[in-house]
Amino acid sequence: HLQPGTLEHDLEDLLKINRDLHLKLLDRLGEARFISTPSAWPLKARFLSLALPEEASRTDFAVAELALDTAPDEAILDRLAAILWGAALIGSAAITVGGYLLVYFGLTPIRTLAEQTRCLAILSLDKRLETEGIPAELQVLVDQFNDLLNRLEKAYQQLEGFNADVAHELRTPLANIIASSELALRSNDKDENLRDCIGANLEEMHRLSGIVNDMLFLSQADRGAKARRIPVQSLAQLCTEVADYYEAVLIESDLQLSIEGDASGLFDAALLRRVLSNLLNNAARYAEHGSAILIRIAPEADGQLKLSVINQGEPIPAASQPHIFDRFFRVDTSRSHGHQNHGLGLAIVSAIARMHDGEAFAISADGETEIGVRLDC
């Protein structure tokens, strides 16, 4: 039979090994007979109750309660949670600041480009965006934008030239009308002078009307007007009809005209007559005296039709060939033949080709010039 004091002493020595473990012994009435470190009994703990075997009845202890103090563990967990929260806040702040700086410096090239585009003006179209220091990802965009500026500058230059050409073309006939009218008013022989004046003015006004009508036609073509296609059984016959109108001009310049090939298809016959008229007029103007002019009709393998006029004479300079279809463009102003040409004939040829979903072309070399159109049949 163990003495209670001896047992309690032994239990206290045993529990000193683990200070987080506490023991309470209860008798059969549930009263505590032994409590290890009563002043330090944990408030937060894991409890385990064990019924003692009957052999323990000699010690008057019936139930043993073990308590494992969880306060230190909870303190560690609280400290760990605080550390994690702090790390999360610091990490979030670092990511936010880092992301802001990354985006800020990453967008610096875009801000630079935006500042450069803000400095562009209509009077400084020769300026381009700087490509130095631009990331490779933006290089393609900058190159495309610079190409757009090149096209815009070219279009603006063409517009400026077009306005100047229009003013020049209209100024001469208007000046002639004004001068002839003033002379008629000052003349004593009213009837004869008035008749001559009215005739001259009428001629100038017809020329002005022709320029205006041609400009209106080009404007319609620029807005996307399409050719009204109808079946044309023989282009050679159509060419013959147009050539008949130029018989006197050809005889005067001792030019021989021939037609090569034939084709049929869906075309706007009236517009094709205008194309042939302009091409023949151009060829007769610049062909060598006594040479031959050929109208060639050649179907191509891709389903298109090539209609062209070929003449022998001084070739078109290589620098001028890309511009001969521009409005009011003349290769040599000294060869413009005065009032007979106002520089819109080949521009109209190009416009009619586009209205047939085709294109105009010009080849000039070795004393031979071929100008014509390729059309979708």
Foldseek 3Di string as FASTA:
>chain_A
DDDLVVVQVVVLVVCVVPVQKWKWFAAPVRDTPHTHPVVPDAPDWDKDKDADDPVCVVVRTGIMMMTGHCVVVVVVVVVVVVVVVVVVVVVVVVCVVVVVVCVVVVCVVVVLQVVVVVPDDPVPLVDADDPPPDDPVCNVVRVVVRVVSVVVVVVVVLVVVVVVLVCVLVVVLVVLLVVLVVVLVPDPPNPVSVVVSVVSNVVSVVLVVVVVVLVVLLVCLVVPAAFQWDKDAKVVVLLVVLVVVCPVLCVVLLEAEDEEDIDIDIGRSVLVSLLSNLQVVVQSLFAHRNYYKYWYWDQDPVQKIKTKIKGFHDWQDPVCQVPLLRAQDDSDPVSQPPSPHRRNSSVSQQSNLVSQVWGWHWDTDDRMIMTTIIGRD
